[in-house]
N, C-alpha and C. Protein backbone atom coordinates (compact mmCIF):
# COMPACT_ATOMS: atom_id res chain seq x y z
N MET A 1 -4.48 -7.59 -23.77
CA MET A 1 -4.53 -7.18 -22.44
C MET A 1 -5.51 -6.33 -22.06
N MET A 2 -6.21 -6.49 -20.91
CA MET A 2 -7.33 -5.75 -20.44
C MET A 2 -6.85 -4.53 -19.75
N SER A 3 -7.62 -3.40 -19.99
CA SER A 3 -7.19 -2.14 -19.28
C SER A 3 -7.62 -2.15 -18.02
N HIS A 4 -7.03 -1.26 -17.17
CA HIS A 4 -7.36 -1.08 -15.68
C HIS A 4 -8.66 -0.79 -15.48
N LYS A 5 -9.23 0.15 -16.35
CA LYS A 5 -10.85 0.51 -16.30
C LYS A 5 -11.68 -0.55 -16.64
N SER A 6 -11.37 -1.37 -17.72
CA SER A 6 -12.24 -2.50 -18.04
C SER A 6 -12.24 -3.53 -17.01
N LYS A 7 -11.10 -3.78 -16.41
CA LYS A 7 -11.07 -4.85 -15.29
C LYS A 7 -11.92 -4.40 -14.15
N GLY A 8 -11.93 -3.09 -13.80
CA GLY A 8 -12.70 -2.71 -12.76
C GLY A 8 -14.16 -2.69 -13.15
N SER A 9 -14.55 -2.46 -14.30
CA SER A 9 -15.91 -2.50 -14.82
C SER A 9 -16.42 -3.84 -14.84
N ASN A 10 -15.64 -4.89 -15.21
CA ASN A 10 -15.87 -6.42 -15.14
C ASN A 10 -16.11 -6.69 -13.69
N ALA A 11 -15.26 -6.31 -12.83
CA ALA A 11 -15.55 -6.54 -11.41
C ALA A 11 -16.82 -6.18 -10.80
N GLU A 12 -17.06 -4.89 -11.15
CA GLU A 12 -18.47 -4.36 -10.89
C GLU A 12 -19.49 -5.04 -11.35
N ARG A 13 -19.42 -5.45 -12.71
CA ARG A 13 -20.51 -6.29 -13.24
C ARG A 13 -20.77 -7.61 -12.58
N GLU A 14 -19.58 -8.23 -12.25
CA GLU A 14 -19.60 -9.51 -11.47
C GLU A 14 -20.40 -9.46 -10.26
N LEU A 15 -20.16 -8.36 -9.45
CA LEU A 15 -20.98 -8.25 -8.18
C LEU A 15 -22.34 -7.80 -8.45
N LEU A 16 -22.56 -7.02 -9.40
CA LEU A 16 -23.98 -6.73 -9.85
C LEU A 16 -24.81 -7.93 -10.06
N HIS A 17 -24.33 -8.90 -10.84
CA HIS A 17 -24.87 -10.09 -11.27
C HIS A 17 -25.10 -11.06 -9.90
N MET A 18 -24.08 -10.95 -9.06
CA MET A 18 -24.38 -11.67 -7.84
C MET A 18 -25.42 -11.22 -6.98
N PHE A 19 -25.61 -9.78 -6.81
CA PHE A 19 -26.72 -9.22 -6.26
C PHE A 19 -28.13 -9.75 -6.77
N TRP A 20 -28.19 -9.51 -8.08
CA TRP A 20 -29.43 -9.94 -8.84
C TRP A 20 -29.65 -11.31 -8.62
N SER A 21 -28.58 -12.22 -8.74
CA SER A 21 -28.98 -13.69 -8.55
C SER A 21 -29.48 -13.96 -7.04
N ARG A 22 -29.10 -13.31 -6.17
CA ARG A 22 -29.81 -13.59 -4.87
C ARG A 22 -31.07 -12.67 -4.44
N GLY A 23 -31.65 -11.96 -5.47
CA GLY A 23 -32.92 -11.28 -5.25
C GLY A 23 -32.68 -9.84 -4.80
N TRP A 24 -31.43 -9.39 -4.93
CA TRP A 24 -31.23 -7.87 -4.42
C TRP A 24 -31.13 -7.10 -5.72
N PRO A 25 -32.16 -6.24 -6.00
CA PRO A 25 -31.97 -5.31 -7.18
C PRO A 25 -30.54 -4.51 -6.97
N CYS A 26 -29.97 -4.31 -8.07
CA CYS A 26 -28.60 -3.65 -8.01
C CYS A 26 -28.45 -2.76 -9.27
N LEU A 27 -27.85 -1.65 -9.11
CA LEU A 27 -27.34 -0.99 -10.25
C LEU A 27 -25.92 -0.37 -10.28
N ARG A 28 -25.42 -0.29 -11.31
CA ARG A 28 -24.04 0.10 -11.38
C ARG A 28 -24.03 1.65 -11.78
N SER A 29 -23.16 2.36 -11.22
CA SER A 29 -23.07 3.86 -11.50
C SER A 29 -22.01 4.13 -12.46
N ALA A 30 -22.41 4.42 -13.73
CA ALA A 30 -21.40 4.76 -14.79
C ALA A 30 -20.80 6.00 -14.43
N GLY A 31 -19.44 6.08 -14.47
CA GLY A 31 -18.64 7.19 -14.06
C GLY A 31 -18.60 7.67 -12.53
N SER A 32 -18.94 6.73 -11.80
CA SER A 32 -18.71 7.08 -10.40
C SER A 32 -17.22 7.53 -10.06
N GLY A 33 -17.19 8.34 -9.33
CA GLY A 33 -16.06 9.10 -8.88
C GLY A 33 -15.33 10.01 -9.96
N SER A 34 -16.10 10.32 -11.17
CA SER A 34 -15.59 11.13 -12.09
C SER A 34 -16.59 12.22 -12.32
N MET A 35 -17.61 12.35 -11.46
CA MET A 35 -18.64 13.41 -11.63
C MET A 35 -18.61 14.29 -10.58
N LYS A 36 -19.24 15.48 -10.69
CA LYS A 36 -19.39 16.30 -9.45
C LYS A 36 -20.21 15.99 -8.30
N TYR A 37 -21.16 14.94 -8.65
CA TYR A 37 -21.93 14.43 -7.52
C TYR A 37 -21.50 13.21 -6.94
N PRO A 38 -21.68 13.08 -5.60
CA PRO A 38 -21.13 11.82 -4.97
C PRO A 38 -21.84 10.56 -5.57
N GLY A 39 -21.28 9.49 -5.77
CA GLY A 39 -21.92 8.30 -6.25
C GLY A 39 -21.03 7.01 -6.06
N PRO A 40 -21.63 5.91 -5.50
CA PRO A 40 -20.78 4.69 -5.31
C PRO A 40 -20.63 3.99 -6.75
N ASP A 41 -19.88 2.96 -6.76
CA ASP A 41 -19.84 2.08 -7.93
C ASP A 41 -21.11 1.25 -8.07
N LEU A 42 -21.62 0.74 -6.91
CA LEU A 42 -22.91 0.00 -7.07
C LEU A 42 -23.81 0.36 -5.90
N LEU A 43 -25.08 0.36 -6.17
CA LEU A 43 -26.18 0.51 -5.27
C LEU A 43 -27.08 -0.65 -5.30
N ALA A 44 -27.32 -1.26 -4.06
CA ALA A 44 -28.23 -2.47 -3.95
C ALA A 44 -29.03 -2.40 -2.94
N GLY A 45 -30.20 -3.09 -3.02
CA GLY A 45 -31.13 -3.18 -1.99
C GLY A 45 -31.83 -4.44 -1.72
N SER A 46 -32.35 -4.83 -0.61
CA SER A 46 -33.07 -6.02 -0.41
C SER A 46 -34.43 -5.84 -1.04
N LYS A 47 -35.03 -6.93 -1.51
CA LYS A 47 -36.50 -6.91 -2.13
C LYS A 47 -37.41 -6.31 -0.89
N ASP A 48 -37.24 -6.67 0.27
CA ASP A 48 -38.12 -6.26 1.17
C ASP A 48 -37.92 -4.80 1.69
N LYS A 49 -37.07 -4.14 1.05
CA LYS A 49 -36.89 -2.79 1.21
C LYS A 49 -36.29 -2.29 2.58
N THR A 50 -35.80 -3.23 3.21
CA THR A 50 -35.19 -2.94 4.63
C THR A 50 -33.86 -2.52 4.50
N ARG A 51 -33.23 -2.90 3.49
CA ARG A 51 -31.66 -2.60 3.47
C ARG A 51 -31.20 -2.09 2.19
N ARG A 52 -30.41 -1.04 2.24
CA ARG A 52 -29.74 -0.59 1.07
C ARG A 52 -28.14 -0.38 1.31
N VAL A 53 -27.42 -0.78 0.30
CA VAL A 53 -26.01 -0.77 0.46
C VAL A 53 -25.41 0.07 -0.67
N ALA A 54 -24.37 0.87 -0.42
CA ALA A 54 -23.58 1.69 -1.30
C ALA A 54 -22.20 1.07 -1.42
N ILE A 55 -21.71 0.74 -2.55
CA ILE A 55 -20.52 0.00 -2.46
C ILE A 55 -19.38 0.69 -3.56
N GLU A 56 -18.24 0.75 -2.97
CA GLU A 56 -17.10 1.10 -3.81
C GLU A 56 -16.33 -0.12 -3.93
N CYS A 57 -15.91 -0.53 -5.17
CA CYS A 57 -15.30 -1.82 -5.50
C CYS A 57 -13.92 -1.76 -5.99
N LYS A 58 -12.98 -2.53 -5.59
CA LYS A 58 -11.63 -2.73 -6.18
C LYS A 58 -11.23 -4.14 -6.10
N THR A 59 -10.40 -4.41 -7.21
CA THR A 59 -9.82 -5.69 -7.32
C THR A 59 -8.27 -5.41 -7.35
N THR A 60 -7.50 -6.45 -6.90
CA THR A 60 -6.10 -6.14 -7.15
C THR A 60 -5.28 -7.52 -7.03
N LYS A 61 -4.16 -7.57 -7.69
CA LYS A 61 -3.25 -8.73 -7.72
C LYS A 61 -2.31 -8.65 -6.59
N THR A 62 -2.22 -7.55 -5.82
CA THR A 62 -1.39 -7.48 -4.89
C THR A 62 -1.99 -7.82 -3.42
N ASN A 63 -1.38 -7.66 -2.30
CA ASN A 63 -1.96 -8.15 -1.10
C ASN A 63 -2.44 -6.98 -0.38
N LYS A 64 -2.46 -5.64 -1.02
CA LYS A 64 -2.90 -4.54 -0.49
C LYS A 64 -3.50 -3.61 -1.38
N VAL A 65 -4.71 -2.96 -1.02
CA VAL A 65 -5.43 -2.11 -1.88
C VAL A 65 -5.50 -0.66 -1.28
N TYR A 66 -5.56 0.26 -2.18
CA TYR A 66 -5.49 1.70 -1.78
C TYR A 66 -6.76 2.50 -2.34
N LEU A 67 -7.25 3.39 -1.60
CA LEU A 67 -8.43 4.09 -1.89
C LEU A 67 -8.07 5.51 -1.67
N ASN A 68 -8.42 6.38 -2.69
CA ASN A 68 -8.11 7.83 -2.35
C ASN A 68 -9.20 8.35 -1.43
N GLU A 69 -8.95 9.36 -0.76
CA GLU A 69 -9.89 9.91 0.40
C GLU A 69 -11.25 10.48 -0.43
N HIS A 70 -11.01 11.08 -1.57
CA HIS A 70 -12.17 11.58 -2.34
C HIS A 70 -13.32 10.50 -2.55
N ASP A 71 -12.82 9.34 -2.91
CA ASP A 71 -13.75 8.22 -3.18
C ASP A 71 -14.51 7.80 -1.81
N ILE A 72 -13.72 7.89 -0.67
CA ILE A 72 -14.44 7.35 0.58
C ILE A 72 -15.42 8.62 1.05
N ILE A 73 -14.95 9.72 0.85
CA ILE A 73 -15.84 10.95 1.17
C ILE A 73 -17.13 10.76 0.43
N GLN A 74 -17.01 10.58 -0.88
CA GLN A 74 -18.18 10.55 -1.81
C GLN A 74 -19.04 9.40 -1.43
N LEU A 75 -18.40 8.21 -1.04
CA LEU A 75 -19.23 7.16 -0.71
C LEU A 75 -20.08 7.38 0.65
N LYS A 76 -19.32 8.12 1.60
CA LYS A 76 -20.04 8.54 2.88
C LYS A 76 -21.21 9.41 2.58
N GLU A 77 -20.82 10.47 1.82
CA GLU A 77 -21.90 11.52 1.60
C GLU A 77 -23.21 10.94 0.80
N PHE A 78 -22.84 10.01 -0.17
CA PHE A 78 -23.85 9.46 -1.00
C PHE A 78 -24.81 8.68 -0.07
N SER A 79 -24.23 7.83 0.85
CA SER A 79 -24.71 6.85 1.75
C SER A 79 -25.65 7.58 2.69
N ALA A 80 -25.10 8.71 3.35
CA ALA A 80 -25.94 9.53 4.26
C ALA A 80 -27.15 10.06 3.52
N ILE A 81 -27.10 10.60 2.30
CA ILE A 81 -28.23 11.25 1.67
C ILE A 81 -29.19 10.03 1.21
N PHE A 82 -28.80 8.89 0.82
CA PHE A 82 -29.63 7.93 0.27
C PHE A 82 -30.09 6.95 1.31
N ASP A 83 -29.60 7.13 2.56
CA ASP A 83 -29.86 6.16 3.71
C ASP A 83 -29.49 4.71 3.38
N ALA A 84 -28.25 4.70 2.92
CA ALA A 84 -27.66 3.36 2.46
C ALA A 84 -26.53 3.13 3.51
N ARG A 85 -26.16 1.87 3.60
CA ARG A 85 -24.97 1.49 4.43
C ARG A 85 -23.74 1.44 3.38
N PRO A 86 -22.64 2.31 3.75
CA PRO A 86 -21.47 2.24 2.97
C PRO A 86 -20.55 1.16 3.24
N TRP A 87 -20.16 0.44 2.18
CA TRP A 87 -19.35 -0.75 2.19
C TRP A 87 -18.15 -0.52 1.15
N PHE A 88 -16.98 -1.12 1.48
CA PHE A 88 -15.92 -1.24 0.48
C PHE A 88 -15.82 -2.61 0.20
N ALA A 89 -15.79 -2.99 -1.09
CA ALA A 89 -15.70 -4.39 -1.59
C ALA A 89 -14.31 -4.57 -2.29
N VAL A 90 -13.62 -5.54 -1.93
CA VAL A 90 -12.38 -5.88 -2.43
C VAL A 90 -12.21 -7.35 -2.81
N LYS A 91 -11.67 -7.60 -4.05
CA LYS A 91 -11.37 -8.90 -4.41
C LYS A 91 -9.91 -9.04 -4.58
N PHE A 92 -9.13 -9.90 -3.74
CA PHE A 92 -7.80 -10.07 -3.98
C PHE A 92 -7.84 -11.30 -5.05
N ALA A 93 -6.69 -11.34 -5.80
CA ALA A 93 -6.42 -12.31 -6.77
C ALA A 93 -6.67 -13.79 -6.32
N GLY A 94 -7.58 -14.55 -6.87
CA GLY A 94 -7.92 -15.95 -6.63
C GLY A 94 -8.79 -16.06 -5.32
N LYS A 95 -9.30 -15.02 -4.89
CA LYS A 95 -10.22 -15.05 -3.46
C LYS A 95 -11.40 -14.56 -3.82
N GLU A 96 -12.39 -14.74 -2.87
CA GLU A 96 -13.75 -14.18 -2.96
C GLU A 96 -13.91 -12.86 -2.60
N TRP A 97 -14.99 -12.14 -3.02
CA TRP A 97 -15.21 -10.77 -2.54
C TRP A 97 -15.26 -10.68 -1.00
N LEU A 98 -14.73 -9.67 -0.48
CA LEU A 98 -14.90 -9.33 0.81
C LEU A 98 -15.41 -7.99 0.93
N PHE A 99 -16.27 -7.72 2.16
CA PHE A 99 -16.94 -6.38 2.31
C PHE A 99 -16.50 -5.88 3.63
N ILE A 100 -15.89 -4.62 3.56
CA ILE A 100 -15.41 -3.97 4.70
C ILE A 100 -15.99 -2.70 5.01
N MET A 101 -16.23 -2.49 6.36
CA MET A 101 -16.84 -1.18 6.78
C MET A 101 -15.67 -0.17 6.72
N ILE A 102 -16.29 1.06 6.29
CA ILE A 102 -15.30 2.20 6.22
C ILE A 102 -14.46 2.35 7.34
N GLU A 103 -15.09 2.12 8.55
CA GLU A 103 -14.36 2.33 9.84
C GLU A 103 -13.17 1.37 10.02
N ASP A 104 -13.16 0.34 9.33
CA ASP A 104 -12.10 -0.68 9.55
C ASP A 104 -10.88 -0.46 8.38
N LEU A 105 -11.13 0.48 7.51
CA LEU A 105 -10.02 0.84 6.59
C LEU A 105 -8.94 1.47 7.39
N GLU A 106 -7.68 1.37 6.96
CA GLU A 106 -6.53 2.01 7.60
C GLU A 106 -6.37 3.32 6.99
N LYS A 107 -6.22 4.39 7.76
CA LYS A 107 -6.06 5.88 7.20
C LYS A 107 -4.61 5.96 6.77
N THR A 108 -4.17 6.45 5.61
CA THR A 108 -2.89 6.67 5.11
C THR A 108 -2.90 8.23 4.90
N PRO A 109 -1.68 8.74 4.64
CA PRO A 109 -1.61 10.25 4.38
C PRO A 109 -2.48 10.72 3.16
N THR A 110 -2.66 9.88 2.21
CA THR A 110 -3.53 10.26 1.03
C THR A 110 -4.81 9.62 0.83
N GLY A 111 -5.17 8.83 1.82
CA GLY A 111 -6.48 8.06 1.68
C GLY A 111 -6.68 7.04 2.65
N TYR A 112 -6.96 5.89 2.05
CA TYR A 112 -7.27 4.74 2.92
C TYR A 112 -6.51 3.39 2.18
N ALA A 113 -6.34 2.32 3.11
CA ALA A 113 -5.75 1.18 2.61
C ALA A 113 -6.28 -0.04 3.45
N VAL A 114 -6.19 -1.17 2.85
CA VAL A 114 -6.46 -2.41 3.51
C VAL A 114 -5.60 -3.54 2.99
N ASP A 115 -5.11 -4.40 3.75
CA ASP A 115 -4.16 -5.43 3.30
C ASP A 115 -5.10 -6.69 3.41
N GLN A 116 -4.70 -7.62 2.66
CA GLN A 116 -5.45 -8.97 2.59
C GLN A 116 -5.71 -9.69 4.11
N LYS A 117 -4.77 -9.59 4.87
CA LYS A 117 -4.84 -10.14 6.16
C LYS A 117 -5.92 -9.56 6.95
N LYS A 118 -5.99 -8.14 6.99
CA LYS A 118 -6.87 -7.34 7.68
C LYS A 118 -8.37 -7.56 7.12
N ALA A 119 -8.32 -7.47 5.86
CA ALA A 119 -9.63 -7.77 5.08
C ALA A 119 -10.22 -9.19 5.45
N GLU A 120 -9.37 -10.03 5.52
CA GLU A 120 -9.96 -11.45 5.85
C GLU A 120 -10.40 -11.51 7.26
N LEU A 121 -9.75 -10.75 8.19
CA LEU A 121 -10.02 -10.72 9.65
C LEU A 121 -11.36 -9.89 9.83
N ARG A 122 -11.42 -8.81 9.28
CA ARG A 122 -12.41 -7.81 9.55
C ARG A 122 -13.70 -7.76 8.56
N GLY A 123 -13.33 -8.22 7.37
CA GLY A 123 -14.32 -8.13 6.21
C GLY A 123 -15.38 -9.37 6.39
N ILE A 124 -16.43 -9.24 5.68
CA ILE A 124 -17.58 -10.27 5.59
C ILE A 124 -17.71 -10.76 4.25
N SER A 125 -18.18 -11.96 4.02
CA SER A 125 -18.39 -12.40 2.74
C SER A 125 -19.75 -11.83 2.09
N PHE A 126 -19.90 -12.14 0.84
CA PHE A 126 -21.20 -11.74 0.13
C PHE A 126 -22.24 -12.29 0.69
N ASN A 127 -22.27 -13.56 1.12
CA ASN A 127 -23.41 -14.10 1.81
C ASN A 127 -23.62 -13.44 3.18
N GLU A 128 -22.55 -13.11 3.89
CA GLU A 128 -22.82 -12.51 5.12
C GLU A 128 -23.36 -11.05 4.99
N LEU A 129 -22.94 -10.37 3.98
CA LEU A 129 -23.47 -9.01 3.69
C LEU A 129 -24.99 -8.99 3.42
N ILE A 130 -25.42 -10.00 2.50
CA ILE A 130 -26.86 -9.89 2.17
C ILE A 130 -27.71 -10.54 3.32
N GLU A 131 -27.12 -11.15 4.09
CA GLU A 131 -27.90 -11.67 5.36
C GLU A 131 -27.69 -10.98 6.57
N TYR A 132 -26.86 -9.88 6.61
CA TYR A 132 -26.43 -9.04 7.79
C TYR A 132 -27.74 -8.25 8.01
N LYS A 133 -27.93 -7.99 9.40
CA LYS A 133 -28.96 -7.20 9.83
C LYS A 133 -28.65 -6.01 10.53
């Protein structure tokens, strides 16, 4: 059985390979969320240097995913410093990755959440993300 942490790492690596395969240099931040400095799970940029994205990633077998407030605050802080656009990437079981703007996440008492239906309505696909202007 795969641990929760290794499942998350595998998901991050999958996205990393997707970015590189489309000509977007990308790196994965080891220990993101567990250090004193803000840092996203992934940082990617277009080859023409016009776009940078900072991404927090989650996968789930349920139809709703939760994020703690600390992760979102760190993503926003890092993105502001690095001049990158913050995105939340979620992969629901059996579906493709969806990318959601932080503003489209639902605020909860302890952080944020998004359900599959809202993610499908408000989110964009990987192709849309890398072609987005």
